Amino acid sequence: MPKTLTDIAEAMKQIDFTMLSTRTENGMIGARPMSNNREVDYDGASWYFTTDDTRMVDDIAADPNVSLSFQSKAGLLGMRPFFIAIEGRAVLIRDKALFEDHWTSGLDRWFPQGVDTPGLVLIKVEGVRAHYWDGEDEGELVLKPDLAA
């Protein structure tokens, strides 16, 4: 039976980190770990904080097409792995009101000045298509039909 957005959102709550991949200036792929806030229900959009002096921000400014890769825990005791790859479009946001809307206390570890951190940037990744595999079942879910062409 095909997975739904609700199924994928539930699986994502079990995953601590994602790899956010961008296309670099020379056409290569750059990937870096980003915290997956497990307190948020995934609705097709993912939100990440960084600072504007990162290569990731430069990459997104040049090409907003990105991907997110998630992998759940798996084990020998019957825990099947769950992999999710999301194709999406990233937007760089520099709006302090939106920073406050998406801020959680766990971010203080990386940004001690909170939403007042100089150069703070919020990245919104609007998922277009999600691919998943759970060790037996695999499939694709179109999240934004108008962008998935």
N, C-alpha and C. Protein backbone atom coordinates (compact mmCIF):
# COMPACT_ATOMS: atom_id res chain seq x y z
N MET A 1 0.84 -1.18 0.00
CA MET A 1 0.00 0.00 0.00
C MET A 1 0.89 1.25 0.00
N PRO A 2 0.66 2.19 -0.89
CA PRO A 2 1.50 3.40 -0.96
C PRO A 2 1.45 4.22 0.33
N LYS A 3 2.56 4.83 0.65
CA LYS A 3 2.64 5.70 1.82
C LYS A 3 1.98 7.04 1.53
N THR A 4 1.48 7.66 2.58
CA THR A 4 0.88 8.99 2.49
C THR A 4 1.83 10.01 3.12
N LEU A 5 1.51 11.28 2.98
CA LEU A 5 2.29 12.32 3.62
C LEU A 5 2.28 12.12 5.13
N THR A 6 1.17 11.70 5.70
CA THR A 6 1.09 11.42 7.14
C THR A 6 2.05 10.31 7.54
N ASP A 7 2.14 9.24 6.72
CA ASP A 7 3.07 8.14 7.00
C ASP A 7 4.51 8.64 7.00
N ILE A 8 4.84 9.44 6.01
CA ILE A 8 6.21 9.95 5.89
C ILE A 8 6.52 10.89 7.06
N ALA A 9 5.58 11.76 7.40
CA ALA A 9 5.77 12.68 8.52
C ALA A 9 6.01 11.92 9.82
N GLU A 10 5.27 10.85 10.02
CA GLU A 10 5.44 10.04 11.24
C GLU A 10 6.82 9.39 11.27
N ALA A 11 7.27 8.88 10.14
CA ALA A 11 8.60 8.26 10.07
C ALA A 11 9.70 9.30 10.31
N MET A 12 9.51 10.52 9.81
CA MET A 12 10.52 11.57 9.97
C MET A 12 10.69 11.99 11.43
N LYS A 13 9.66 11.80 12.25
CA LYS A 13 9.77 12.17 13.66
C LYS A 13 10.79 11.30 14.40
N GLN A 14 11.15 10.18 13.83
CA GLN A 14 12.10 9.26 14.45
C GLN A 14 13.54 9.52 14.01
N ILE A 15 13.75 10.51 13.16
CA ILE A 15 15.06 10.74 12.55
C ILE A 15 15.64 12.06 13.06
N ASP A 16 16.86 11.99 13.61
CA ASP A 16 17.50 13.17 14.19
C ASP A 16 18.03 14.16 13.16
N PHE A 17 18.66 13.65 12.11
CA PHE A 17 19.34 14.54 11.17
C PHE A 17 18.99 14.17 9.73
N THR A 18 19.09 15.17 8.88
CA THR A 18 18.97 14.98 7.44
C THR A 18 20.24 15.49 6.78
N MET A 19 20.49 15.05 5.59
CA MET A 19 21.56 15.63 4.77
C MET A 19 20.88 16.53 3.74
N LEU A 20 21.23 17.81 3.77
CA LEU A 20 20.71 18.77 2.81
C LEU A 20 21.76 18.92 1.71
N SER A 21 21.38 18.59 0.48
CA SER A 21 22.32 18.62 -0.64
C SER A 21 21.97 19.76 -1.59
N THR A 22 23.02 20.44 -2.03
CA THR A 22 22.89 21.54 -2.98
C THR A 22 23.83 21.30 -4.15
N ARG A 23 23.61 22.05 -5.22
CA ARG A 23 24.54 22.02 -6.35
C ARG A 23 25.52 23.17 -6.13
N THR A 24 26.81 22.86 -6.17
CA THR A 24 27.83 23.87 -5.91
C THR A 24 28.13 24.65 -7.19
N GLU A 25 28.96 25.67 -7.04
CA GLU A 25 29.26 26.55 -8.18
C GLU A 25 29.92 25.82 -9.35
N ASN A 26 30.62 24.72 -9.08
CA ASN A 26 31.28 23.98 -10.17
C ASN A 26 30.44 22.79 -10.64
N GLY A 27 29.17 22.74 -10.20
CA GLY A 27 28.27 21.69 -10.66
C GLY A 27 28.31 20.42 -9.84
N MET A 28 29.19 20.35 -8.87
CA MET A 28 29.26 19.18 -7.99
C MET A 28 28.11 19.27 -6.97
N ILE A 29 27.96 18.21 -6.18
CA ILE A 29 26.93 18.17 -5.16
C ILE A 29 27.59 18.35 -3.80
N GLY A 30 27.08 19.27 -3.01
CA GLY A 30 27.54 19.48 -1.65
C GLY A 30 26.45 19.04 -0.68
N ALA A 31 26.82 18.33 0.36
CA ALA A 31 25.84 17.86 1.34
C ALA A 31 26.35 18.16 2.74
N ARG A 32 25.41 18.52 3.60
CA ARG A 32 25.77 18.77 4.99
C ARG A 32 24.61 18.37 5.90
N PRO A 33 24.96 17.92 7.12
CA PRO A 33 23.90 17.50 8.05
C PRO A 33 23.17 18.72 8.61
N MET A 34 21.87 18.56 8.74
CA MET A 34 21.02 19.60 9.34
C MET A 34 20.11 18.91 10.35
N SER A 35 19.80 19.62 11.41
CA SER A 35 18.95 19.06 12.45
C SER A 35 17.52 18.95 11.95
N ASN A 36 16.94 17.79 12.13
CA ASN A 36 15.54 17.56 11.79
C ASN A 36 14.74 17.69 13.07
N ASN A 37 14.07 18.82 13.23
CA ASN A 37 13.32 19.07 14.46
C ASN A 37 12.15 18.10 14.54
N ARG A 38 12.30 17.12 15.41
CA ARG A 38 11.30 16.05 15.50
C ARG A 38 10.03 16.49 16.23
N GLU A 39 9.99 17.74 16.70
CA GLU A 39 8.79 18.24 17.36
C GLU A 39 7.78 18.80 16.34
N VAL A 40 8.19 18.90 15.08
CA VAL A 40 7.36 19.52 14.05
C VAL A 40 6.77 18.45 13.15
N ASP A 41 5.48 18.57 12.88
CA ASP A 41 4.85 17.66 11.94
C ASP A 41 5.19 18.10 10.51
N TYR A 42 5.76 17.20 9.74
CA TYR A 42 6.14 17.51 8.36
C TYR A 42 4.87 17.67 7.53
N ASP A 43 4.76 18.80 6.84
CA ASP A 43 3.60 19.08 6.01
C ASP A 43 3.99 19.33 4.55
N GLY A 44 5.23 18.96 4.21
CA GLY A 44 5.74 19.21 2.87
C GLY A 44 6.81 20.29 2.87
N ALA A 45 6.95 21.01 3.98
CA ALA A 45 7.99 22.04 4.11
C ALA A 45 8.89 21.69 5.28
N SER A 46 10.18 21.90 5.09
CA SER A 46 11.18 21.72 6.15
C SER A 46 11.86 23.05 6.38
N TRP A 47 12.27 23.29 7.61
CA TRP A 47 12.85 24.57 8.00
C TRP A 47 14.18 24.33 8.71
N TYR A 48 15.20 25.07 8.32
CA TYR A 48 16.54 24.92 8.90
C TYR A 48 17.17 26.29 9.08
N PHE A 49 17.94 26.43 10.16
CA PHE A 49 18.67 27.67 10.41
C PHE A 49 20.15 27.49 10.07
N THR A 50 20.74 28.55 9.57
CA THR A 50 22.17 28.61 9.30
C THR A 50 22.57 30.08 9.33
N THR A 51 23.77 30.39 8.92
CA THR A 51 24.20 31.79 8.81
C THR A 51 24.57 32.09 7.36
N ASP A 52 24.51 33.36 7.03
CA ASP A 52 24.69 33.74 5.63
C ASP A 52 26.13 33.66 5.12
N ASP A 53 27.07 33.27 5.97
CA ASP A 53 28.45 33.14 5.52
C ASP A 53 28.81 31.69 5.14
N THR A 54 27.80 30.87 4.90
CA THR A 54 28.05 29.47 4.56
C THR A 54 27.96 29.24 3.05
N ARG A 55 28.67 28.24 2.62
CA ARG A 55 28.62 27.86 1.21
C ARG A 55 27.20 27.41 0.83
N MET A 56 26.51 26.78 1.76
CA MET A 56 25.16 26.31 1.51
C MET A 56 24.26 27.47 1.07
N VAL A 57 24.35 28.60 1.75
CA VAL A 57 23.54 29.76 1.40
C VAL A 57 23.90 30.25 0.00
N ASP A 58 25.19 30.31 -0.30
CA ASP A 58 25.63 30.71 -1.65
C ASP A 58 25.09 29.75 -2.70
N ASP A 59 25.16 28.44 -2.41
CA ASP A 59 24.66 27.44 -3.35
C ASP A 59 23.17 27.61 -3.62
N ILE A 60 22.39 27.81 -2.56
CA ILE A 60 20.94 27.96 -2.71
C ILE A 60 20.60 29.24 -3.46
N ALA A 61 21.34 30.31 -3.19
CA ALA A 61 21.09 31.57 -3.90
C ALA A 61 21.30 31.39 -5.40
N ALA A 62 22.26 30.55 -5.79
CA ALA A 62 22.55 30.31 -7.20
C ALA A 62 21.61 29.29 -7.83
N ASP A 63 21.17 28.30 -7.06
CA ASP A 63 20.29 27.24 -7.58
C ASP A 63 19.44 26.72 -6.42
N PRO A 64 18.16 27.04 -6.39
CA PRO A 64 17.32 26.66 -5.26
C PRO A 64 16.89 25.19 -5.24
N ASN A 65 17.23 24.42 -6.26
CA ASN A 65 16.88 22.99 -6.27
C ASN A 65 17.79 22.23 -5.32
N VAL A 66 17.19 21.60 -4.32
CA VAL A 66 17.95 20.89 -3.29
C VAL A 66 17.34 19.52 -3.06
N SER A 67 18.03 18.71 -2.26
CA SER A 67 17.45 17.44 -1.83
C SER A 67 17.74 17.25 -0.35
N LEU A 68 16.86 16.49 0.29
CA LEU A 68 17.00 16.11 1.69
C LEU A 68 17.01 14.60 1.75
N SER A 69 17.93 14.02 2.51
CA SER A 69 18.03 12.57 2.66
C SER A 69 17.91 12.21 4.13
N PHE A 70 16.99 11.30 4.41
CA PHE A 70 16.73 10.86 5.77
C PHE A 70 16.92 9.35 5.85
N GLN A 71 17.44 8.86 6.97
CA GLN A 71 17.55 7.42 7.20
C GLN A 71 17.23 7.14 8.66
N SER A 72 16.27 6.26 8.88
CA SER A 72 15.93 5.89 10.25
C SER A 72 16.88 4.80 10.74
N LYS A 73 16.77 4.49 12.01
CA LYS A 73 17.56 3.42 12.59
C LYS A 73 17.05 2.08 12.06
N ALA A 74 17.95 1.14 11.95
CA ALA A 74 17.60 -0.22 11.57
C ALA A 74 18.41 -1.15 12.47
N GLY A 75 17.98 -2.38 12.58
CA GLY A 75 18.71 -3.29 13.44
C GLY A 75 18.42 -4.73 13.12
N LEU A 76 19.13 -5.57 13.81
CA LEU A 76 18.99 -7.00 13.59
C LEU A 76 17.73 -7.57 14.25
N LEU A 77 17.09 -6.80 15.09
CA LEU A 77 15.94 -7.30 15.83
C LEU A 77 14.61 -6.97 15.13
N GLY A 78 14.64 -6.97 13.83
CA GLY A 78 13.41 -6.77 13.08
C GLY A 78 13.08 -5.34 12.76
N MET A 79 13.94 -4.40 13.14
CA MET A 79 13.69 -3.02 12.78
C MET A 79 14.10 -2.80 11.33
N ARG A 80 13.13 -2.55 10.49
CA ARG A 80 13.45 -2.29 9.09
C ARG A 80 13.92 -0.86 8.93
N PRO A 81 14.86 -0.64 8.02
CA PRO A 81 15.30 0.74 7.79
C PRO A 81 14.19 1.51 7.07
N PHE A 82 14.23 2.81 7.18
CA PHE A 82 13.32 3.64 6.41
C PHE A 82 14.14 4.78 5.82
N PHE A 83 14.15 4.87 4.51
CA PHE A 83 14.89 5.90 3.80
C PHE A 83 13.89 6.82 3.12
N ILE A 84 14.16 8.11 3.19
CA ILE A 84 13.34 9.10 2.51
C ILE A 84 14.28 10.07 1.79
N ALA A 85 14.01 10.32 0.53
CA ALA A 85 14.74 11.32 -0.24
C ALA A 85 13.70 12.31 -0.75
N ILE A 86 13.89 13.57 -0.42
CA ILE A 86 12.93 14.59 -0.83
C ILE A 86 13.61 15.55 -1.80
N GLU A 87 13.01 15.72 -2.96
CA GLU A 87 13.44 16.74 -3.90
C GLU A 87 12.66 18.00 -3.56
N GLY A 88 13.33 19.14 -3.53
CA GLY A 88 12.61 20.35 -3.17
C GLY A 88 13.24 21.61 -3.69
N ARG A 89 12.59 22.69 -3.37
CA ARG A 89 13.08 24.03 -3.73
C ARG A 89 13.29 24.80 -2.43
N ALA A 90 14.45 25.40 -2.31
CA ALA A 90 14.80 26.13 -1.10
C ALA A 90 14.61 27.63 -1.28
N VAL A 91 14.20 28.26 -0.20
CA VAL A 91 14.06 29.71 -0.15
C VAL A 91 14.86 30.20 1.06
N LEU A 92 15.63 31.27 0.87
CA LEU A 92 16.40 31.87 1.96
C LEU A 92 15.56 32.99 2.56
N ILE A 93 15.35 32.92 3.87
CA ILE A 93 14.49 33.88 4.57
C ILE A 93 15.31 34.62 5.61
N ARG A 94 15.15 35.94 5.62
CA ARG A 94 15.86 36.78 6.58
C ARG A 94 14.87 37.64 7.37
N ASP A 95 13.76 37.07 7.74
CA ASP A 95 12.67 37.77 8.42
C ASP A 95 12.65 37.32 9.88
N LYS A 96 12.96 38.25 10.78
CA LYS A 96 13.06 37.92 12.20
C LYS A 96 11.75 37.36 12.77
N ALA A 97 10.62 37.83 12.27
CA ALA A 97 9.33 37.32 12.75
C ALA A 97 9.20 35.83 12.41
N LEU A 98 9.64 35.44 11.23
CA LEU A 98 9.60 34.02 10.86
C LEU A 98 10.64 33.22 11.66
N PHE A 99 11.78 33.85 11.97
CA PHE A 99 12.76 33.18 12.83
C PHE A 99 12.07 32.78 14.14
N GLU A 100 11.36 33.72 14.73
CA GLU A 100 10.70 33.47 16.01
C GLU A 100 9.63 32.39 15.89
N ASP A 101 8.94 32.35 14.77
CA ASP A 101 7.91 31.33 14.56
C ASP A 101 8.49 29.92 14.52
N HIS A 102 9.73 29.79 14.06
CA HIS A 102 10.33 28.46 13.86
C HIS A 102 11.44 28.14 14.85
N TRP A 103 11.66 29.02 15.81
CA TRP A 103 12.74 28.82 16.78
C TRP A 103 12.33 27.82 17.84
N THR A 104 13.27 26.93 18.21
CA THR A 104 13.08 26.03 19.34
C THR A 104 14.31 26.15 20.23
N SER A 105 14.16 25.83 21.50
CA SER A 105 15.25 26.02 22.45
C SER A 105 16.49 25.21 22.09
N GLY A 106 16.33 24.09 21.39
CA GLY A 106 17.49 23.28 21.00
C GLY A 106 18.45 24.02 20.07
N LEU A 107 17.96 25.04 19.40
CA LEU A 107 18.81 25.81 18.48
C LEU A 107 19.81 26.71 19.22
N ASP A 108 19.54 26.98 20.49
CA ASP A 108 20.43 27.84 21.27
C ASP A 108 21.85 27.28 21.32
N ARG A 109 21.97 25.98 21.19
CA ARG A 109 23.30 25.34 21.21
C ARG A 109 24.17 25.85 20.07
N TRP A 110 23.58 26.04 18.90
CA TRP A 110 24.34 26.48 17.73
C TRP A 110 24.30 28.00 17.54
N PHE A 111 23.27 28.62 18.05
CA PHE A 111 23.09 30.06 17.87
C PHE A 111 22.78 30.70 19.23
N PRO A 112 23.83 30.93 20.06
CA PRO A 112 23.61 31.41 21.43
C PRO A 112 22.90 32.76 21.52
N GLN A 113 22.94 33.55 20.45
CA GLN A 113 22.25 34.85 20.47
C GLN A 113 20.81 34.72 19.96
N GLY A 114 20.38 33.51 19.74
CA GLY A 114 19.00 33.25 19.31
C GLY A 114 18.67 33.92 17.99
N VAL A 115 17.47 34.44 17.89
CA VAL A 115 17.02 35.07 16.64
C VAL A 115 17.77 36.36 16.35
N ASP A 116 18.55 36.84 17.31
CA ASP A 116 19.37 38.04 17.10
C ASP A 116 20.78 37.71 16.62
N THR A 117 21.04 36.46 16.31
CA THR A 117 22.35 36.06 15.79
C THR A 117 22.66 36.82 14.50
N PRO A 118 23.79 37.51 14.44
CA PRO A 118 24.14 38.23 13.21
C PRO A 118 24.22 37.28 12.01
N GLY A 119 23.62 37.67 10.90
CA GLY A 119 23.68 36.88 9.68
C GLY A 119 22.79 35.64 9.68
N LEU A 120 21.89 35.51 10.63
CA LEU A 120 21.03 34.34 10.71
C LEU A 120 20.15 34.24 9.46
N VAL A 121 20.01 33.04 8.94
CA VAL A 121 19.19 32.77 7.77
C VAL A 121 18.33 31.55 8.06
N LEU A 122 17.08 31.60 7.67
CA LEU A 122 16.16 30.48 7.76
C LEU A 122 15.99 29.92 6.35
N ILE A 123 16.21 28.63 6.21
CA ILE A 123 16.03 27.98 4.92
C ILE A 123 14.73 27.20 4.96
N LYS A 124 13.85 27.50 4.03
CA LYS A 124 12.61 26.73 3.89
C LYS A 124 12.78 25.87 2.65
N VAL A 125 12.65 24.55 2.85
CA VAL A 125 12.69 23.63 1.72
C VAL A 125 11.27 23.14 1.49
N GLU A 126 10.71 23.56 0.38
CA GLU A 126 9.36 23.14 -0.02
C GLU A 126 9.50 21.86 -0.81
N GLY A 127 9.07 20.75 -0.22
CA GLY A 127 9.19 19.45 -0.88
C GLY A 127 8.34 19.39 -2.13
N VAL A 128 8.92 18.83 -3.18
CA VAL A 128 8.21 18.66 -4.45
C VAL A 128 7.83 17.19 -4.63
N ARG A 129 8.77 16.32 -4.33
CA ARG A 129 8.56 14.88 -4.52
C ARG A 129 9.33 14.14 -3.42
N ALA A 130 8.73 13.10 -2.87
CA ALA A 130 9.38 12.27 -1.86
C ALA A 130 9.49 10.84 -2.37
N HIS A 131 10.67 10.28 -2.25
CA HIS A 131 10.90 8.87 -2.58
C HIS A 131 11.18 8.15 -1.27
N TYR A 132 10.64 6.95 -1.10
CA TYR A 132 10.85 6.24 0.16
C TYR A 132 11.11 4.76 -0.11
N TRP A 133 11.76 4.14 0.87
CA TRP A 133 12.02 2.71 0.85
C TRP A 133 12.10 2.25 2.30
N ASP A 134 11.38 1.19 2.64
CA ASP A 134 11.38 0.72 4.03
C ASP A 134 11.97 -0.68 4.19
N GLY A 135 12.76 -1.09 3.25
CA GLY A 135 13.35 -2.42 3.31
C GLY A 135 12.57 -3.43 2.49
N GLU A 136 11.32 -3.14 2.23
CA GLU A 136 10.48 -4.01 1.41
C GLU A 136 9.65 -3.21 0.40
N ASP A 137 9.03 -2.16 0.90
CA ASP A 137 8.14 -1.35 0.08
C ASP A 137 8.88 -0.08 -0.35
N GLU A 138 8.65 0.33 -1.58
CA GLU A 138 9.22 1.59 -2.03
C GLU A 138 8.17 2.33 -2.84
N GLY A 139 8.35 3.62 -2.95
CA GLY A 139 7.39 4.40 -3.72
C GLY A 139 7.78 5.85 -3.80
N GLU A 140 6.91 6.58 -4.43
CA GLU A 140 7.10 8.00 -4.64
C GLU A 140 5.81 8.72 -4.32
N LEU A 141 5.94 9.87 -3.70
CA LEU A 141 4.80 10.69 -3.34
C LEU A 141 5.04 12.08 -3.90
N VAL A 142 4.15 12.56 -4.75
CA VAL A 142 4.27 13.91 -5.29
C VAL A 142 3.65 14.86 -4.26
N LEU A 143 4.46 15.79 -3.78
CA LEU A 143 4.01 16.72 -2.75
C LEU A 143 3.48 18.02 -3.35
N LYS A 144 4.05 18.45 -4.44
CA LYS A 144 3.65 19.68 -5.13
C LYS A 144 3.52 19.39 -6.61
N PRO A 145 2.36 18.95 -7.07
CA PRO A 145 2.19 18.57 -8.48
C PRO A 145 2.58 19.67 -9.46
N ASP A 146 2.32 20.93 -9.10
CA ASP A 146 2.62 22.03 -10.00
C ASP A 146 4.12 22.25 -10.18
N LEU A 147 4.94 21.79 -9.25
CA LEU A 147 6.39 21.95 -9.35
C LEU A 147 7.10 20.68 -9.77
N ALA A 148 6.40 19.56 -9.80
CA ALA A 148 7.03 18.26 -10.02
C ALA A 148 7.30 17.93 -11.48
N ALA A 149 6.98 18.80 -12.37
CA ALA A 149 7.16 18.51 -13.80
C ALA A 149 8.61 18.34 -14.17
